[in-house]
Amino acid sequence: MKKLLTTSLFYCILGLISGIYYREITKYADFTGKTQLSVLHTHLLMLGMFMFLIVLLLEKNFGIMSSKKFNAFYYIYNAGLLLTVGLLTFHGTMTVLGQETGAAVSGIAGLGHILLAVGLVILFLIMY
């Protein structure tokens, strides 16, 4: 259970730092337009911190960590989330700085979303 709490805390800290980063980089660049950085901290807090708090409750009530599939869920979901928010950060920063990003950035971000979906499917299979 400590692993899940630590993971939740990690995403909480990243979420708070990303909110500060968004505020400071847009202020520094005098940027007032739309950027993906505006949703970065929400993604980290909801898909990271709150998700793992919910998984912690599932572990406490149902013991899901004892499933053979749990490690697959844990690592695939985290990889997907980190890939997704990493690309959100990159794309949003480039937007604020007035730089274009190619289609590859969107494609790689799509892979992050696919990994998130696979992780969620595994979690539901564990619960089923």
Protein backbone atom coordinates (compact mmCIF):
# COMPACT_ATOMS: atom_id res chain seq x y z
CA MET A 1 0.00 0.00 0.00
CA LYS A 2 2.93 2.32 0.63
CA LYS A 3 3.89 1.99 -3.04
CA LEU A 4 0.47 3.32 -4.07
CA LEU A 5 0.57 6.17 -1.56
CA THR A 6 4.08 7.12 -2.70
CA THR A 7 2.96 7.07 -6.33
CA SER A 8 -0.01 9.27 -5.48
CA LEU A 9 2.26 11.71 -3.63
CA PHE A 10 4.67 11.76 -6.59
CA TYR A 11 1.87 12.80 -8.95
CA CYS A 12 0.58 15.35 -6.43
CA ILE A 13 3.99 17.02 -6.31
CA LEU A 14 4.34 16.89 -10.12
CA GLY A 15 0.85 18.35 -10.50
CA LEU A 16 1.59 21.25 -8.19
CA ILE A 17 4.95 21.94 -9.84
CA SER A 18 3.34 21.84 -13.29
CA GLY A 19 0.81 24.47 -12.22
CA ILE A 20 3.64 26.74 -11.11
CA TYR A 21 5.52 26.02 -14.35
CA TYR A 22 2.47 26.96 -16.43
CA ARG A 23 2.01 30.22 -14.55
CA GLU A 24 5.67 31.20 -14.68
CA ILE A 25 6.46 30.31 -18.30
CA THR A 26 3.37 32.09 -19.62
CA LYS A 27 4.25 35.14 -17.52
CA TYR A 28 7.88 35.05 -18.70
CA ALA A 29 6.89 34.75 -22.37
CA ASP A 30 4.01 37.23 -21.97
CA PHE A 31 1.76 34.55 -23.47
CA THR A 32 -2.03 34.90 -23.29
CA GLY A 33 -3.19 32.30 -25.82
CA LYS A 34 -4.26 28.70 -25.42
CA THR A 35 -1.70 26.07 -24.56
CA GLN A 36 -1.76 22.45 -23.46
CA LEU A 37 0.09 23.50 -20.34
CA SER A 38 -3.23 24.77 -18.97
CA VAL A 39 -4.50 21.20 -18.54
CA LEU A 40 -1.22 19.63 -17.47
CA HIS A 41 -1.68 19.96 -13.73
CA THR A 42 -5.26 18.70 -13.98
CA HIS A 43 -4.07 15.58 -15.82
CA LEU A 44 -1.41 14.92 -13.20
CA LEU A 45 -3.74 15.46 -10.25
CA MET A 46 -6.71 13.50 -11.59
CA LEU A 47 -5.08 10.72 -13.62
CA GLY A 48 -2.12 10.48 -11.26
CA MET A 49 -2.80 11.47 -7.67
CA PHE A 50 -6.53 10.74 -7.44
CA MET A 51 -6.31 7.60 -9.58
CA PHE A 52 -3.74 6.05 -7.25
CA LEU A 53 -5.70 7.12 -4.18
CA ILE A 54 -8.65 5.20 -5.66
CA VAL A 55 -6.41 2.21 -6.43
CA LEU A 56 -5.19 2.42 -2.82
CA LEU A 57 -8.81 2.10 -1.65
CA LEU A 58 -9.31 -0.84 -4.00
CA GLU A 59 -6.24 -2.49 -2.52
CA LYS A 60 -7.45 -1.89 1.03
CA ASN A 61 -10.90 -3.33 0.31
CA PHE A 62 -10.17 -6.04 -2.27
CA GLY A 63 -6.42 -6.75 -2.10
CA ILE A 64 -5.86 -6.15 -5.81
CA MET A 65 -2.06 -5.99 -5.45
CA SER A 66 -1.98 -9.75 -4.93
CA SER A 67 -3.17 -10.27 -8.51
CA LYS A 68 -0.55 -11.46 -10.99
CA LYS A 69 -1.76 -8.72 -13.34
CA PHE A 70 -1.22 -5.87 -10.89
CA ASN A 71 2.38 -5.09 -11.85
CA ALA A 72 1.39 -4.99 -15.52
CA PHE A 73 -1.33 -2.47 -14.68
CA TYR A 74 0.99 -0.41 -12.50
CA TYR A 75 3.87 -0.10 -14.96
CA ILE A 76 1.81 0.24 -18.15
CA TYR A 77 -0.49 2.87 -16.63
CA ASN A 78 2.41 4.88 -15.21
CA ALA A 79 4.33 4.69 -18.49
CA GLY A 80 1.26 5.91 -20.36
CA LEU A 81 0.63 8.75 -17.95
CA LEU A 82 4.25 9.91 -17.90
CA LEU A 83 4.45 9.74 -21.70
CA THR A 84 1.20 11.67 -22.05
CA VAL A 85 2.11 14.44 -19.60
CA GLY A 86 5.66 14.59 -20.93
CA LEU A 87 4.33 15.31 -24.40
CA LEU A 88 1.74 17.75 -23.01
CA THR A 89 4.61 19.60 -21.35
CA PHE A 90 6.75 19.60 -24.49
CA HIS A 91 3.94 20.64 -26.84
CA GLY A 92 2.62 23.28 -24.45
CA THR A 93 6.06 24.76 -23.87
CA MET A 94 6.74 24.94 -27.60
CA THR A 95 3.39 26.68 -28.10
CA VAL A 96 4.20 29.28 -25.44
CA LEU A 97 7.63 29.87 -27.00
CA GLY A 98 6.09 30.26 -30.47
CA GLN A 99 7.55 27.07 -31.93
CA GLU A 100 5.74 24.51 -34.06
CA THR A 101 5.67 20.82 -33.23
CA GLY A 102 5.28 18.11 -35.81
CA ALA A 103 2.76 15.34 -36.17
CA ALA A 104 5.17 12.98 -34.42
CA VAL A 105 4.47 14.72 -31.11
CA SER A 106 0.76 14.04 -31.46
CA GLY A 107 1.44 10.46 -32.50
CA ILE A 108 3.65 9.77 -29.50
CA ALA A 109 1.08 11.40 -27.21
CA GLY A 110 -1.47 9.06 -28.75
CA LEU A 111 0.71 6.12 -27.73
CA GLY A 112 0.61 7.45 -24.18
CA HIS A 113 -3.17 7.50 -24.29
CA ILE A 114 -3.23 3.95 -25.64
CA LEU A 115 -1.01 2.79 -22.76
CA LEU A 116 -3.36 4.52 -20.31
CA ALA A 117 -6.31 2.69 -21.85
CA VAL A 118 -4.50 -0.67 -21.72
CA GLY A 119 -3.65 -0.03 -18.07
CA LEU A 120 -7.29 0.69 -17.28
CA VAL A 121 -8.42 -2.46 -19.08
CA ILE A 122 -5.96 -4.50 -17.00
CA LEU A 123 -7.26 -2.84 -13.82
CA PHE A 124 -10.82 -3.82 -14.73
CA LEU A 125 -9.67 -7.37 -15.51
CA ILE A 126 -8.11 -7.51 -12.05
CA MET A 127 -11.38 -6.35 -10.51
CA TYR A 128 -13.48 -8.74 -12.58
